[in-house]
Amino acid sequence: MSNVSFSAYAALGSVKPTQVSDKPATNPAEKSGVAEGFSTFKAALQEAEQTAMQTAVSGADPHAMVEALAQAELVLDAAVTVRDKVVEAYQELLRMPV
């Protein structure tokens, strides 16, 4: 059996926001909402995973692990809701008569 390693946020590390204008965004405050959402999502998953590993390995505070996992669940629910709304809007566009 081969060892397969999977990280929940590994795929998000390769996501790069697209630039709408010709001028590259040099100011971090100029990030798009989608890019900011991905980075928040990625950070929440990383924090939850790190806290869970610390709790499993060194017996760290289990309350911190539950809090981090709850935060990651909230972020995941928000991401799923946004995805569902985007899919619903796309389906509405497909149903429009031309």
PDB file of N, CA and C in Angstrom:
ATOM      1  N   MET A   1       0.845  -1.177   0.000  1.00  0.00           N
ATOM      2  CA  MET A   1       0.000   0.000   0.000  1.00  0.00           C
ATOM      3  C   MET A   1       0.887   1.236   0.000  1.00  0.00           C
ATOM      4  N   SER A   2       0.560   2.187  -0.817  1.00  0.00           N
ATOM      5  CA  SER A   2       1.365   3.404  -0.894  1.00  0.00           C
ATOM      6  C   SER A   2       0.897   4.415   0.143  1.00  0.00           C
ATOM      7  N   ASN A   3       1.820   5.237   0.590  1.00  0.00           N
ATOM      8  CA  ASN A   3       1.477   6.313   1.516  1.00  0.00           C
ATOM      9  C   ASN A   3       0.974   7.492   0.721  1.00  0.00           C
ATOM     10  N   VAL A   4      -0.253   7.861   0.953  1.00  0.00           N
ATOM     11  CA  VAL A   4      -0.843   8.999   0.279  1.00  0.00           C
ATOM     12  C   VAL A   4      -1.076  10.070   1.334  1.00  0.00           C
ATOM     13  N   SER A   5      -0.465  11.210   1.121  1.00  0.00           N
ATOM     14  CA  SER A   5      -0.617  12.317   2.061  1.00  0.00           C
ATOM     15  C   SER A   5      -1.523  13.363   1.443  1.00  0.00           C
ATOM     16  N   PHE A   6      -2.510  13.790   2.207  1.00  0.00           N
ATOM     17  CA  PHE A   6      -3.441  14.802   1.722  1.00  0.00           C
ATOM     18  C   PHE A   6      -3.612  15.866   2.776  1.00  0.00           C
ATOM     19  N   SER A   7      -3.517  17.099   2.356  1.00  0.00           N
ATOM     20  CA  SER A   7      -3.737  18.227   3.246  1.00  0.00           C
ATOM     21  C   SER A   7      -5.003  18.941   2.781  1.00  0.00           C
ATOM     22  N   ALA A   8      -5.868  19.258   3.714  1.00  0.00           N
ATOM     23  CA  ALA A   8      -7.164  19.843   3.365  1.00  0.00           C
ATOM     24  C   ALA A   8      -7.038  21.171   2.644  1.00  0.00           C
ATOM     25  N   TYR A   9      -5.969  21.891   2.850  1.00  0.00           N
ATOM     26  CA  TYR A   9      -5.819  23.206   2.228  1.00  0.00           C
ATOM     27  C   TYR A   9      -4.693  23.250   1.200  1.00  0.00           C
ATOM     28  N   ALA A  10      -4.147  22.102   0.806  1.00  0.00           N
ATOM     29  CA  ALA A  10      -3.050  22.090  -0.156  1.00  0.00           C
ATOM     30  C   ALA A  10      -3.484  22.644  -1.518  1.00  0.00           C
ATOM     31  N   ALA A  11      -4.698  22.329  -1.920  1.00  0.00           N
ATOM     32  CA  ALA A  11      -5.180  22.808  -3.216  1.00  0.00           C
ATOM     33  C   ALA A  11      -5.377  24.314  -3.216  1.00  0.00           C
ATOM     34  N   LEU A  12      -5.696  24.882  -2.072  1.00  0.00           N
ATOM     35  CA  LEU A  12      -5.919  26.326  -2.015  1.00  0.00           C
ATOM     36  C   LEU A  12      -4.631  27.115  -2.133  1.00  0.00           C
ATOM     37  N   GLY A  13      -3.496  26.486  -1.840  1.00  0.00           N
ATOM     38  CA  GLY A  13      -2.219  27.181  -1.937  1.00  0.00           C
ATOM     39  C   GLY A  13      -1.865  27.548  -3.364  1.00  0.00           C
ATOM     40  N   SER A  14      -2.417  26.812  -4.333  1.00  0.00           N
ATOM     41  CA  SER A  14      -2.091  27.087  -5.727  1.00  0.00           C
ATOM     42  C   SER A  14      -3.061  28.068  -6.374  1.00  0.00           C
ATOM     43  N   VAL A  15      -4.120  28.453  -5.675  1.00  0.00           N
ATOM     44  CA  VAL A  15      -5.101  29.383  -6.228  1.00  0.00           C
ATOM     45  C   VAL A  15      -4.542  30.790  -6.179  1.00  0.00           C
ATOM     46  N   LYS A  16      -4.497  31.432  -7.329  1.00  0.00           N
ATOM     47  CA  LYS A  16      -4.009  32.806  -7.435  1.00  0.00           C
ATOM     48  C   LYS A  16      -5.149  33.686  -7.921  1.00  0.00           C
ATOM     49  N   PRO A  17      -5.359  34.833  -7.307  1.00  0.00           N
ATOM     50  CA  PRO A  17      -6.415  35.718  -7.788  1.00  0.00           C
ATOM     51  C   PRO A  17      -6.049  36.304  -9.146  1.00  0.00           C
ATOM     52  N   THR A  18      -7.037  36.464  -9.999  1.00  0.00           N
ATOM     53  CA  THR A  18      -6.798  37.054 -11.308  1.00  0.00           C
ATOM     54  C   THR A  18      -6.899  38.557 -11.200  1.00  0.00           C
ATOM     55  N   GLN A  19      -6.121  39.231 -12.003  1.00  0.00           N
ATOM     56  CA  GLN A  19      -6.116  40.693 -12.005  1.00  0.00           C
ATOM     57  C   GLN A  19      -7.065  41.175 -13.092  1.00  0.00           C
ATOM     58  N   VAL A  20      -7.979  42.060 -12.732  1.00  0.00           N
ATOM     59  CA  VAL A  20      -8.926  42.609 -13.691  1.00  0.00           C
ATOM     60  C   VAL A  20      -8.294  43.749 -14.460  1.00  0.00           C
ATOM     61  N   SER A  21      -7.497  44.554 -13.784  1.00  0.00           N
ATOM     62  CA  SER A  21      -6.879  45.694 -14.445  1.00  0.00           C
ATOM     63  C   SER A  21      -5.476  45.333 -14.929  1.00  0.00           C
ATOM     64  N   ASP A  22      -4.902  46.212 -15.746  1.00  0.00           N
ATOM     65  CA  ASP A  22      -3.547  46.002 -16.244  1.00  0.00           C
ATOM     66  C   ASP A  22      -2.516  46.244 -15.149  1.00  0.00           C
ATOM     67  N   LYS A  23      -2.857  47.061 -14.183  1.00  0.00           N
ATOM     68  CA  LYS A  23      -1.955  47.408 -13.093  1.00  0.00           C
ATOM     69  C   LYS A  23      -1.998  46.313 -12.026  1.00  0.00           C
ATOM     70  N   PRO A  24      -0.852  45.720 -11.660  1.00  0.00           N
ATOM     71  CA  PRO A  24      -0.885  44.691 -10.625  1.00  0.00           C
ATOM     72  C   PRO A  24      -1.188  45.300  -9.266  1.00  0.00           C
ATOM     73  N   ALA A  25      -1.881  44.529  -8.435  1.00  0.00           N
ATOM     74  CA  ALA A  25      -2.239  45.013  -7.098  1.00  0.00           C
ATOM     75  C   ALA A  25      -1.031  44.880  -6.187  1.00  0.00           C
ATOM     76  N   THR A  26      -0.440  46.015  -5.830  1.00  0.00           N
ATOM     77  CA  THR A  26       0.727  45.983  -4.955  1.00  0.00           C
ATOM     78  C   THR A  26       0.338  46.190  -3.507  1.00  0.00           C
ATOM     79  N   ASN A  27      -0.798  46.810  -3.280  1.00  0.00           N
ATOM     80  CA  ASN A  27      -1.275  47.059  -1.938  1.00  0.00           C
ATOM     81  C   ASN A  27      -2.104  45.858  -1.477  1.00  0.00           C
ATOM     82  N   PRO A  28      -1.801  45.260  -0.327  1.00  0.00           N
ATOM     83  CA  PRO A  28      -2.594  44.116   0.132  1.00  0.00           C
ATOM     84  C   PRO A  28      -4.060  44.458   0.354  1.00  0.00           C
ATOM     85  N   ALA A  29      -4.367  45.728   0.578  1.00  0.00           N
ATOM     86  CA  ALA A  29      -5.758  46.119   0.776  1.00  0.00           C
ATOM     87  C   ALA A  29      -6.547  46.069  -0.526  1.00  0.00           C
ATOM     88  N   GLU A  30      -5.875  45.957  -1.676  1.00  0.00           N
ATOM     89  CA  GLU A  30      -6.538  45.934  -2.968  1.00  0.00           C
ATOM     90  C   GLU A  30      -6.919  44.527  -3.410  1.00  0.00           C
ATOM     91  N   LYS A  31      -6.792  43.544  -2.538  1.00  0.00           N
ATOM     92  CA  LYS A  31      -7.149  42.181  -2.899  1.00  0.00           C
ATOM     93  C   LYS A  31      -8.650  42.094  -3.129  1.00  0.00           C
ATOM     94  N   SER A  32      -9.039  41.226  -4.038  1.00  0.00           N
ATOM     95  CA  SER A  32     -10.463  41.068  -4.310  1.00  0.00           C
ATOM     96  C   SER A  32     -11.131  40.322  -3.158  1.00  0.00           C
ATOM     97  N   GLY A  33     -12.415  40.408  -3.105  1.00  0.00           N
ATOM     98  CA  GLY A  33     -13.170  39.731  -2.059  1.00  0.00           C
ATOM     99  C   GLY A  33     -13.032  38.224  -2.123  1.00  0.00           C
ATOM    100  N   VAL A  34     -12.946  37.685  -3.345  1.00  0.00           N
ATOM    101  CA  VAL A  34     -12.797  36.247  -3.513  1.00  0.00           C
ATOM    102  C   VAL A  34     -11.440  35.788  -2.997  1.00  0.00           C
ATOM    103  N   ALA A  35     -10.390  36.528  -3.341  1.00  0.00           N
ATOM    104  CA  ALA A  35      -9.050  36.165  -2.873  1.00  0.00           C
ATOM    105  C   ALA A  35      -8.957  36.266  -1.357  1.00  0.00           C
ATOM    106  N   GLU A  36      -9.603  37.281  -0.809  1.00  0.00           N
ATOM    107  CA  GLU A  36      -9.609  37.439   0.648  1.00  0.00           C
ATOM    108  C   GLU A  36     -10.390  36.303   1.305  1.00  0.00           C
ATOM    109  N   GLY A  37     -11.476  35.893   0.677  1.00  0.00           N
ATOM    110  CA  GLY A  37     -12.257  34.772   1.192  1.00  0.00           C
ATOM    111  C   GLY A  37     -11.471  33.474   1.181  1.00  0.00           C
ATOM    112  N   PHE A  38     -10.732  33.236   0.092  1.00  0.00           N
ATOM    113  CA  PHE A  38      -9.903  32.037   0.015  1.00  0.00           C
ATOM    114  C   PHE A  38      -8.814  32.042   1.084  1.00  0.00           C
ATOM    115  N   SER A  39      -8.196  33.200   1.296  1.00  0.00           N
ATOM    116  CA  SER A  39      -7.133  33.254   2.302  1.00  0.00           C
ATOM    117  C   SER A  39      -7.704  33.072   3.707  1.00  0.00           C
ATOM    118  N   THR A  40      -8.897  33.606   3.975  1.00  0.00           N
ATOM    119  CA  THR A  40      -9.544  33.393   5.269  1.00  0.00           C
ATOM    120  C   THR A  40      -9.901  31.929   5.454  1.00  0.00           C
ATOM    121  N   PHE A  41     -10.426  31.326   4.405  1.00  0.00           N
ATOM    122  CA  PHE A  41     -10.787  29.906   4.431  1.00  0.00           C
ATOM    123  C   PHE A  41      -9.555  29.046   4.686  1.00  0.00           C
ATOM    124  N   LYS A  42      -8.494  29.351   3.972  1.00  0.00           N
ATOM    125  CA  LYS A  42      -7.247  28.603   4.121  1.00  0.00           C
ATOM    126  C   LYS A  42      -6.669  28.763   5.531  1.00  0.00           C
ATOM    127  N   ALA A  43      -6.685  29.981   6.049  1.00  0.00           N
ATOM    128  CA  ALA A  43      -6.138  30.231   7.390  1.00  0.00           C
ATOM    129  C   ALA A  43      -6.942  29.507   8.461  1.00  0.00           C
ATOM    130  N   ALA A  44      -8.264  29.482   8.321  1.00  0.00           N
ATOM    131  CA  ALA A  44      -9.105  28.798   9.314  1.00  0.00           C
ATOM    132  C   ALA A  44      -8.843  27.295   9.300  1.00  0.00           C
ATOM    133  N   LEU A  45      -8.704  26.727   8.109  1.00  0.00           N
ATOM    134  CA  LEU A  45      -8.411  25.298   8.021  1.00  0.00           C
ATOM    135  C   LEU A  45      -7.031  24.969   8.563  1.00  0.00           C
ATOM    136  N   GLN A  46      -6.053  25.825   8.267  1.00  0.00           N
ATOM    137  CA  GLN A  46      -4.703  25.601   8.787  1.00  0.00           C
ATOM    138  C   GLN A  46      -4.687  25.669  10.313  1.00  0.00           C
ATOM    139  N   GLU A  47      -5.376  26.653  10.871  1.00  0.00           N
ATOM    140  CA  GLU A  47      -5.409  26.802  12.328  1.00  0.00           C
ATOM    141  C   GLU A  47      -6.086  25.599  12.978  1.00  0.00           C
ATOM    142  N   ALA A  48      -7.194  25.134  12.390  1.00  0.00           N
ATOM    143  CA  ALA A  48      -7.894  23.978  12.944  1.00  0.00           C
ATOM    144  C   ALA A  48      -7.024  22.732  12.876  1.00  0.00           C
ATOM    145  N   GLU A  49      -6.349  22.547  11.753  1.00  0.00           N
ATOM    146  CA  GLU A  49      -5.487  21.370  11.605  1.00  0.00           C
ATOM    147  C   GLU A  49      -4.302  21.431  12.572  1.00  0.00           C
ATOM    148  N   GLN A  50      -3.695  22.589  12.695  1.00  0.00           N
ATOM    149  CA  GLN A  50      -2.549  22.744  13.596  1.00  0.00           C
ATOM    150  C   GLN A  50      -2.959  22.518  15.045  1.00  0.00           C
ATOM    151  N   THR A  51      -4.091  23.068  15.449  1.00  0.00           N
ATOM    152  CA  THR A  51      -4.570  22.903  16.820  1.00  0.00           C
ATOM    153  C   THR A  51      -4.927  21.450  17.096  1.00  0.00           C
ATOM    154  N   ALA A  52      -5.543  20.777  16.128  1.00  0.00           N
ATOM    155  CA  ALA A  52      -5.885  19.367  16.309  1.00  0.00           C
ATOM    156  C   ALA A  52      -4.626  18.512  16.437  1.00  0.00           C
ATOM    157  N   MET A  53      -3.605  18.825  15.639  1.00  0.00           N
ATOM    158  CA  MET A  53      -2.345  18.066  15.739  1.00  0.00           C
ATOM    159  C   MET A  53      -1.679  18.305  17.091  1.00  0.00           C
ATOM    160  N   GLN A  54      -1.688  19.548  17.572  1.00  0.00           N
ATOM    161  CA  GLN A  54      -1.082  19.846  18.868  1.00  0.00           C
ATOM    162  C   GLN A  54      -1.823  19.132  19.994  1.00  0.00           C
ATOM    163  N   THR A  55      -3.130  19.077  19.893  1.00  0.00           N
ATOM    164  CA  THR A  55      -3.925  18.395  20.916  1.00  0.00           C
ATOM    165  C   THR A  55      -3.651  16.896  20.896  1.00  0.00           C
ATOM    166  N   ALA A  56      -3.549  16.323  19.701  1.00  0.00           N
ATOM    167  CA  ALA A  56      -3.318  14.882  19.594  1.00  0.00           C
ATOM    168  C   ALA A  56      -1.920  14.501  20.040  1.00  0.00           C
ATOM    169  N   VAL A  57      -0.927  15.322  19.718  1.00  0.00           N
ATOM    170  CA  VAL A  57       0.463  14.976  20.006  1.00  0.00           C
ATOM    171  C   VAL A  57       0.859  15.332  21.434  1.00  0.00           C
ATOM    172  N   SER A  58       0.593  16.559  21.829  1.00  0.00           N
ATOM    173  CA  SER A  58       1.116  17.003  23.119  1.00  0.00           C
ATOM    174  C   SER A  58       0.046  17.172  24.192  1.00  0.00           C
ATOM    175  N   GLY A  59      -1.189  16.859  23.878  1.00  0.00           N
ATOM    176  CA  GLY A  59      -2.246  17.003  24.870  1.00  0.00           C
ATOM    177  C   GLY A  59      -2.552  18.449  25.196  1.00  0.00           C
ATOM    178  N   ALA A  60      -2.509  19.310  24.202  1.00  0.00           N
ATOM    179  CA  ALA A  60      -2.802  20.733  24.403  1.00  0.00           C
ATOM    180  C   ALA A  60      -4.271  20.903  24.788  1.00  0.00           C
ATOM    181  N   ASP A  61      -4.661  22.126  25.012  1.00  0.00           N
ATOM    182  CA  ASP A  61      -6.010  22.445  25.468  1.00  0.00           C
ATOM    183  C   ASP A  61      -7.070  21.941  24.484  1.00  0.00           C
ATOM    184  N   PRO A  62      -7.919  21.000  24.892  1.00  0.00           N
ATOM    185  CA  PRO A  62      -8.949  20.497  23.974  1.00  0.00           C
ATOM    186  C   PRO A  62     -10.009  21.544  23.645  1.00  0.00           C
ATOM    187  N   HIS A  63     -10.199  22.526  24.529  1.00  0.00           N
ATOM    188  CA  HIS A  63     -11.177  23.578  24.255  1.00  0.00           C
ATOM    189  C   HIS A  63     -10.722  24.439  23.074  1.00  0.00           C
ATOM    190  N   ALA A  64      -9.425  24.665  22.968  1.00  0.00           N
ATOM    191  CA  ALA A  64      -8.906  25.429  21.828  1.00  0.00           C
ATOM    192  C   ALA A  64      -9.125  24.656  20.533  1.00  0.00           C
ATOM    193  N   MET A  65      -8.984  23.334  20.593  1.00  0.00           N
ATOM    194  CA  MET A  65      -9.208  22.522  19.403  1.00  0.00           C
ATOM    195  C   MET A  65     -10.674  22.596  18.973  1.00  0.00           C
ATOM    196  N   VAL A  66     -11.588  22.486  19.934  1.00  0.00           N
ATOM    197  CA  VAL A  66     -13.012  22.548  19.610  1.00  0.00           C
ATOM    198  C   VAL A  66     -13.365  23.914  19.027  1.00  0.00           C
ATOM    199  N   GLU A  67     -12.787  24.971  19.592  1.00  0.00           N
ATOM    200  CA  GLU A  67     -13.044  26.317  19.091  1.00  0.00           C
ATOM    201  C   GLU A  67     -12.511  26.493  17.664  1.00  0.00           C
ATOM    202  N   ALA A  68     -11.314  25.994  17.404  1.00  0.00           N
ATOM    203  CA  ALA A  68     -10.734  26.106  16.060  1.00  0.00           C
ATOM    204  C   ALA A  68     -11.530  25.286  15.049  1.00  0.00           C
ATOM    205  N   LEU A  69     -11.966  24.100  15.450  1.00  0.00           N
ATOM    206  CA  LEU A  69     -12.764  23.271  14.545  1.00  0.00           C
ATOM    207  C   LEU A  69     -14.138  23.894  14.285  1.00  0.00           C
ATOM    208  N   ALA A  70     -14.725  24.526  15.294  1.00  0.00           N
ATOM    209  CA  ALA A  70     -16.003  25.205  15.097  1.00  0.00           C
ATOM    210  C   ALA A  70     -15.844  26.388  14.148  1.00  0.00           C
ATOM    211  N   GLN A  71     -14.741  27.127  14.285  1.00  0.00           N
ATOM    212  CA  GLN A  71     -14.481  28.245  13.381  1.00  0.00           C
ATOM    213  C   GLN A  71     -14.290  27.750  11.944  1.00  0.00           C
ATOM    214  N   ALA A  72     -13.563  26.648  11.792  1.00  0.00           N
ATOM    215  CA  ALA A  72     -13.363  26.084  10.455  1.00  0.00           C
ATOM    216  C   ALA A  72     -14.684  25.603   9.866  1.00  0.00           C
ATOM    217  N   GLU A  73     -15.552  25.056  10.708  1.00  0.00           N
ATOM    218  CA  GLU A  73     -16.862  24.611  10.229  1.00  0.00           C
ATOM    219  C   GLU A  73     -17.711  25.796   9.767  1.00  0.00           C
ATOM    220  N   LEU A  74     -17.668  26.903  10.506  1.00  0.00           N
ATOM    221  CA  LEU A  74     -18.410  28.096  10.104  1.00  0.00           C
ATOM    222  C   LEU A  74     -17.911  28.640   8.765  1.00  0.00           C
ATOM    223  N   VAL A  75     -16.600  28.674   8.596  1.00  0.00           N
ATOM    224  CA  VAL A  75     -16.027  29.174   7.342  1.00  0.00           C
ATOM    225  C   VAL A  75     -16.397  28.242   6.195  1.00  0.00           C
ATOM    226  N   LEU A  76     -16.361  26.932   6.445  1.00  0.00           N
ATOM    227  CA  LEU A  76     -16.728  25.968   5.409  1.00  0.00           C
ATOM    228  C   LEU A  76     -18.197  26.112   5.038  1.00  0.00           C
ATOM    229  N   ASP A  77     -19.062  26.290   6.025  1.00  0.00           N
ATOM    230  CA  ASP A  77     -20.481  26.491   5.735  1.00  0.00           C
ATOM    231  C   ASP A  77     -20.707  27.754   4.898  1.00  0.00           C
ATOM    232  N   ALA A  78     -19.981  28.810   5.215  1.00  0.00           N
ATOM    233  CA  ALA A  78     -20.102  30.042   4.435  1.00  0.00           C
ATOM    234  C   ALA A  78     -19.629  29.822   2.999  1.00  0.00           C
ATOM    235  N   ALA A  79     -18.522  29.096   2.834  1.00  0.00           N
ATOM    236  CA  ALA A  79     -18.008  28.826   1.485  1.00  0.00           C
ATOM    237  C   ALA A  79     -18.993  27.979   0.681  1.00  0.00           C
ATOM    238  N   VAL A  80     -19.607  27.006   1.320  1.00  0.00           N
ATOM    239  CA  VAL A  80     -20.591  26.165   0.632  1.00  0.00           C
ATOM    240  C   VAL A  80     -21.825  26.983   0.253  1.00  0.00           C
ATOM    241  N   THR A  81     -22.241  27.872   1.124  1.00  0.00           N
ATOM    242  CA  THR A  81     -23.386  28.729   0.823  1.00  0.00           C
ATOM    243  C   THR A  81     -23.107  29.634  -0.368  1.00  0.00           C
ATOM    244  N   VAL A  82     -21.916  30.227  -0.397  1.00  0.00           N
ATOM    245  CA  VAL A  82     -21.539  31.081  -1.529  1.00  0.00           C
ATOM    246  C   VAL A  82     -21.486  30.257  -2.810  1.00  0.00           C
ATOM    247  N   ARG A  83     -20.888  29.071  -2.728  1.00  0.00           N
ATOM    248  CA  ARG A  83     -20.828  28.206  -3.907  1.00  0.00           C
ATOM    249  C   ARG A  83     -22.223  27.869  -4.414  1.00  0.00           C
ATOM    250  N   ASP A  84     -23.136  27.533  -3.506  1.00  0.00           N
ATOM    251  CA  ASP A  84     -24.498  27.191  -3.899  1.00  0.00           C
ATOM    252  C   ASP A  84     -25.194  28.368  -4.578  1.00  0.00           C
ATOM    253  N   LYS A  85     -24.966  29.580  -4.061  1.00  0.00           N
ATOM    254  CA  LYS A  85     -25.571  30.766  -4.666  1.00  0.00           C
ATOM    255  C   LYS A  85     -25.012  31.030  -6.059  1.00  0.00           C
ATOM    256  N   VAL A  86     -23.724  30.817  -6.237  1.00  0.00           N
ATOM    257  CA  VAL A  86     -23.109  31.008  -7.554  1.00  0.00           C
ATOM    258  C   VAL A  86     -23.660  29.996  -8.547  1.00  0.00           C
ATOM    259  N   VAL A  87     -23.779  28.742  -8.124  1.00  0.00           N
ATOM    260  CA  VAL A  87     -24.323  27.704  -9.003  1.00  0.00           C
ATOM    261  C   VAL A  87     -25.774  28.010  -9.342  1.00  0.00           C
ATOM    262  N   GLU A  88     -26.540  28.452  -8.363  1.00  0.00           N
ATOM    263  CA  GLU A  88     -27.938  28.803  -8.594  1.00  0.00           C
ATOM    264  C   GLU A  88     -28.061  29.966  -9.587  1.00  0.00           C
ATOM    265  N   ALA A  89     -27.208  30.978  -9.449  1.00  0.00           N
ATOM    266  CA  ALA A  89     -27.234  32.109 -10.382  1.00  0.00           C
ATOM    267  C   ALA A  89     -26.853  31.664 -11.787  1.00  0.00           C
ATOM    268  N   TYR A  90     -25.868  30.784 -11.885  1.00  0.00           N
ATOM    269  CA  TYR A  90     -25.464  30.275 -13.193  1.00  0.00           C
ATOM    270  C   TYR A  90     -26.597  29.489 -13.842  1.00  0.00           C
ATOM    271  N   GLN A  91     -27.291  28.669 -13.068  1.00  0.00           N
ATOM    272  CA  GLN A  91     -28.400  27.908 -13.604  1.00  0.00           C
ATOM    273  C   GLN A  91     -29.535  28.829 -14.060  1.00  0.00           C
ATOM    274  N   GLU A  92     -29.756  29.909 -13.332  1.00  0.00           N
ATOM    275  CA  GLU A  92     -30.756  30.897 -13.743  1.00  0.00           C
ATOM    276  C   GLU A  92     -30.382  31.529 -15.075  1.00  0.00           C
ATOM    277  N   LEU A  93     -29.108  31.813 -15.253  1.00  0.00           N
ATOM    278  CA  LEU A  93     -28.652  32.383 -16.532  1.00  0.00           C
ATOM    279  C   LEU A  93     -28.862  31.396 -17.666  1.00  0.00           C
ATOM    280  N   LEU A  94     -28.628  30.126 -17.409  1.00  0.00           N
ATOM    281  CA  LEU A  94     -28.823  29.116 -18.450  1.00  0.00           C
ATOM    282  C   LEU A  94     -30.290  28.963 -18.822  1.00  0.00           C
ATOM    283  N   ARG A  95     -31.192  29.206 -17.893  1.00  0.00           N
ATOM    284  CA  ARG A  95     -32.622  29.080 -18.162  1.00  0.00           C
ATOM    285  C   ARG A  95     -33.212  30.274 -18.890  1.00  0.00           C
ATOM    286  N   MET A  96     -32.456  31.381 -18.983  1.00  0.00           N
ATOM    287  CA  MET A  96     -32.976  32.583 -19.633  1.00  0.00           C
ATOM    288  C   MET A  96     -33.123  32.365 -21.137  1.00  0.00           C
ATOM    289  N   PRO A  97     -34.238  32.816 -21.696  1.00  0.00           N
ATOM    290  CA  PRO A  97     -34.382  32.710 -23.153  1.00  0.00           C
ATOM    291  C   PRO A  97     -33.470  33.728 -23.849  1.00  0.00           C
ATOM    292  N   VAL A  98     -32.971  33.311 -24.992  1.00  0.00           N
ATOM    293  CA  VAL A  98     -32.041  34.174 -25.719  1.00  0.00           C
ATOM    294  C   VAL A  98     -32.772  35.064 -26.669  1.00  0.00           C
TER     295      VAL A  98
END
